[in-house]
C-alpha cells in the first residue's frame, strides 16, 4: 500500500494525528503539495530533505496539537 492510500484509509477511519508526506516526486512542488493536502496529509516535504525545515514542521505540528488538546 502506498502512502496516499494509507493516509486516505487512516483519515476515513478517524485518525487525526498529523501525517507528513515525504517524497522525491518530480512534479511541480506547489501542485504536489496541494494534492497531498487534499488527500489528507498534514504537511508535504520534498527530498532531499532540509533538516531545518523538518524540525520547523515538527515543532509547529506539536504546538498545534498541544493547542488543540488544551481547547
N, C-alpha and C. Protein backbone atom coordinates (compact mmCIF):
# COMPACT_ATOMS: atom_id res chain seq x y z
N UNK A 1 0.85 -1.16 0.00
CA UNK A 1 0.00 0.00 0.00
C UNK A 1 0.90 1.24 0.00
N UNK A 2 0.59 2.20 -0.84
CA UNK A 2 1.40 3.42 -0.88
C UNK A 2 0.92 4.41 0.18
N UNK A 3 1.69 5.47 0.38
CA UNK A 3 1.39 6.46 1.40
C UNK A 3 0.06 7.17 1.18
N UNK A 4 -0.27 7.44 -0.08
CA UNK A 4 -1.55 8.11 -0.38
C UNK A 4 -2.73 7.25 0.06
N UNK A 5 -2.68 5.97 -0.28
CA UNK A 5 -3.76 5.05 0.08
C UNK A 5 -3.83 4.88 1.59
N UNK A 6 -2.68 4.71 2.22
CA UNK A 6 -2.64 4.54 3.68
C UNK A 6 -3.22 5.77 4.38
N UNK A 7 -2.84 6.95 3.93
CA UNK A 7 -3.34 8.18 4.54
C UNK A 7 -4.85 8.30 4.36
N UNK A 8 -5.33 8.02 3.18
CA UNK A 8 -6.76 8.07 2.92
C UNK A 8 -7.51 7.13 3.85
N UNK A 9 -7.04 5.89 3.98
CA UNK A 9 -7.70 4.91 4.85
C UNK A 9 -7.65 5.35 6.31
N UNK A 10 -6.50 5.88 6.73
CA UNK A 10 -6.40 6.35 8.11
C UNK A 10 -7.38 7.49 8.38
N UNK A 11 -7.43 8.45 7.48
CA UNK A 11 -8.34 9.59 7.66
C UNK A 11 -9.81 9.14 7.65
N UNK A 12 -10.13 8.20 6.78
CA UNK A 12 -11.51 7.68 6.71
C UNK A 12 -11.90 6.97 8.00
N UNK A 13 -10.89 6.40 8.70
CA UNK A 13 -11.18 5.68 9.94
C UNK A 13 -11.19 6.62 11.15
N UNK A 14 -10.95 7.93 10.92
CA UNK A 14 -11.00 8.90 12.01
C UNK A 14 -9.65 9.24 12.62
N UNK A 15 -8.57 8.76 12.06
CA UNK A 15 -7.21 9.03 12.56
C UNK A 15 -6.90 10.51 12.38
N UNK A 16 -6.58 11.19 13.47
CA UNK A 16 -6.40 12.64 13.43
C UNK A 16 -4.94 13.08 13.63
N UNK A 17 -4.05 12.17 13.96
CA UNK A 17 -2.65 12.50 14.16
C UNK A 17 -2.05 13.07 12.87
N UNK A 18 -1.20 14.10 12.97
CA UNK A 18 -0.59 14.66 11.76
C UNK A 18 0.21 13.61 10.97
N UNK A 19 0.13 13.71 9.66
CA UNK A 19 0.88 12.83 8.76
C UNK A 19 1.64 13.72 7.78
N UNK A 20 2.95 13.55 7.73
CA UNK A 20 3.78 14.34 6.82
C UNK A 20 4.15 13.49 5.61
N UNK A 21 3.84 14.00 4.42
CA UNK A 21 4.26 13.34 3.19
C UNK A 21 5.71 13.72 2.93
N UNK A 22 6.55 12.72 2.73
CA UNK A 22 7.96 12.95 2.41
C UNK A 22 8.23 12.22 1.11
N UNK A 23 8.52 12.98 0.05
CA UNK A 23 8.57 12.38 -1.28
C UNK A 23 9.69 12.94 -2.14
N UNK A 24 10.06 12.17 -3.12
CA UNK A 24 11.01 12.61 -4.14
C UNK A 24 10.28 12.85 -5.45
N UNK A 25 9.00 13.14 -5.37
CA UNK A 25 8.14 13.36 -6.52
C UNK A 25 8.71 14.47 -7.42
N UNK A 26 8.71 14.22 -8.71
CA UNK A 26 9.28 15.18 -9.65
C UNK A 26 8.27 16.20 -10.16
N UNK A 27 7.05 16.14 -9.65
CA UNK A 27 6.04 17.10 -10.07
C UNK A 27 6.35 18.49 -9.53
N UNK A 28 5.65 19.47 -10.05
CA UNK A 28 5.76 20.83 -9.53
C UNK A 28 5.48 20.78 -8.04
N UNK A 29 6.38 21.31 -7.20
CA UNK A 29 6.20 21.19 -5.75
C UNK A 29 4.91 21.80 -5.22
N UNK A 30 4.45 22.90 -5.81
CA UNK A 30 3.21 23.52 -5.34
C UNK A 30 2.01 22.65 -5.68
N UNK A 31 2.00 22.07 -6.86
CA UNK A 31 0.91 21.18 -7.25
C UNK A 31 0.94 19.92 -6.40
N UNK A 32 2.12 19.35 -6.22
CA UNK A 32 2.25 18.13 -5.43
C UNK A 32 1.81 18.36 -3.99
N UNK A 33 2.19 19.49 -3.40
CA UNK A 33 1.79 19.80 -2.03
C UNK A 33 0.28 19.95 -1.94
N UNK A 34 -0.31 20.67 -2.87
CA UNK A 34 -1.75 20.87 -2.89
C UNK A 34 -2.48 19.53 -2.96
N UNK A 35 -2.01 18.65 -3.82
CA UNK A 35 -2.63 17.33 -3.97
C UNK A 35 -2.48 16.50 -2.69
N UNK A 36 -1.30 16.56 -2.07
CA UNK A 36 -1.06 15.81 -0.84
C UNK A 36 -1.99 16.28 0.28
N UNK A 37 -2.15 17.58 0.39
CA UNK A 37 -3.02 18.13 1.43
C UNK A 37 -4.48 17.74 1.19
N UNK A 38 -4.89 17.69 -0.09
CA UNK A 38 -6.25 17.25 -0.43
C UNK A 38 -6.47 15.79 -0.04
N UNK A 39 -5.40 14.99 -0.09
CA UNK A 39 -5.50 13.56 0.23
C UNK A 39 -5.49 13.29 1.73
N UNK A 40 -5.26 14.33 2.53
CA UNK A 40 -5.32 14.13 3.97
C UNK A 40 -4.00 14.26 4.71
N UNK A 41 -2.92 14.49 3.97
CA UNK A 41 -1.65 14.72 4.64
C UNK A 41 -1.71 16.07 5.35
N UNK A 42 -1.00 16.18 6.45
CA UNK A 42 -0.97 17.43 7.21
C UNK A 42 0.06 18.39 6.62
N UNK A 43 1.14 17.83 6.11
CA UNK A 43 2.22 18.63 5.54
C UNK A 43 2.89 17.83 4.44
N UNK A 44 3.64 18.51 3.59
CA UNK A 44 4.31 17.89 2.45
C UNK A 44 5.74 18.41 2.38
N UNK A 45 6.71 17.51 2.38
CA UNK A 45 8.12 17.88 2.27
C UNK A 45 8.76 17.11 1.11
N UNK A 46 9.67 17.80 0.41
CA UNK A 46 10.38 17.19 -0.72
C UNK A 46 11.75 16.67 -0.29
N UNK A 47 12.19 15.64 -0.97
CA UNK A 47 13.58 15.19 -0.85
C UNK A 47 14.38 15.93 -1.91
N UNK A 48 15.63 16.23 -1.72
CA UNK A 48 16.37 15.94 -0.50
C UNK A 48 15.83 16.79 0.65
N UNK A 49 15.75 16.16 1.79
CA UNK A 49 15.15 16.78 2.96
C UNK A 49 16.09 17.81 3.58
N UNK A 50 15.53 18.97 3.86
CA UNK A 50 16.25 20.00 4.60
C UNK A 50 15.90 19.79 6.07
N UNK A 51 16.87 19.36 6.85
CA UNK A 51 16.64 19.03 8.26
C UNK A 51 15.98 20.18 9.03
N UNK A 52 16.40 21.39 8.73
CA UNK A 52 15.85 22.57 9.40
C UNK A 52 14.35 22.70 9.15
N UNK A 53 13.93 22.48 7.92
CA UNK A 53 12.51 22.57 7.57
C UNK A 53 11.73 21.45 8.25
N UNK A 54 12.29 20.24 8.31
CA UNK A 54 11.62 19.14 9.00
C UNK A 54 11.41 19.49 10.47
N UNK A 55 12.45 19.99 11.13
CA UNK A 55 12.35 20.34 12.55
C UNK A 55 11.31 21.44 12.75
N UNK A 56 11.31 22.45 11.88
CA UNK A 56 10.31 23.53 11.99
C UNK A 56 8.89 22.97 11.87
N UNK A 57 8.69 22.06 10.93
CA UNK A 57 7.37 21.46 10.75
C UNK A 57 6.96 20.64 11.96
N UNK A 58 7.87 19.85 12.49
CA UNK A 58 7.56 19.03 13.66
C UNK A 58 7.22 19.91 14.86
N UNK A 59 7.96 20.99 15.06
CA UNK A 59 7.65 21.91 16.16
C UNK A 59 6.27 22.54 15.99
N UNK A 60 5.99 22.99 14.77
CA UNK A 60 4.69 23.62 14.50
C UNK A 60 3.55 22.64 14.72
N UNK A 61 3.72 21.41 14.25
CA UNK A 61 2.67 20.41 14.42
C UNK A 61 2.48 20.04 15.90
N UNK A 62 3.57 19.98 16.64
CA UNK A 62 3.48 19.69 18.08
C UNK A 62 2.72 20.80 18.79
N UNK A 63 3.04 22.05 18.45
CA UNK A 63 2.35 23.19 19.07
C UNK A 63 0.88 23.21 18.70
N UNK A 64 0.58 22.94 17.46
CA UNK A 64 -0.82 22.89 17.01
C UNK A 64 -1.59 21.81 17.75
N UNK A 65 -0.97 20.63 17.89
CA UNK A 65 -1.62 19.53 18.60
C UNK A 65 -1.83 19.87 20.07
N UNK A 66 -0.83 20.48 20.69
CA UNK A 66 -0.94 20.85 22.10
C UNK A 66 -2.05 21.87 22.30
N UNK A 67 -2.15 22.84 21.40
CA UNK A 67 -3.22 23.85 21.49
C UNK A 67 -4.60 23.23 21.31
N UNK A 68 -4.70 22.28 20.39
CA UNK A 68 -5.99 21.63 20.15
C UNK A 68 -6.42 20.81 21.37
N UNK A 69 -5.47 20.17 22.04
CA UNK A 69 -5.80 19.36 23.21
C UNK A 69 -6.23 20.22 24.39
N UNK A 70 -5.67 21.43 24.49
CA UNK A 70 -6.00 22.29 25.63
C UNK A 70 -7.34 23.00 25.46
N UNK A 71 -7.88 22.99 24.23
CA UNK A 71 -9.18 23.66 23.98
C UNK A 71 -10.31 22.74 24.15
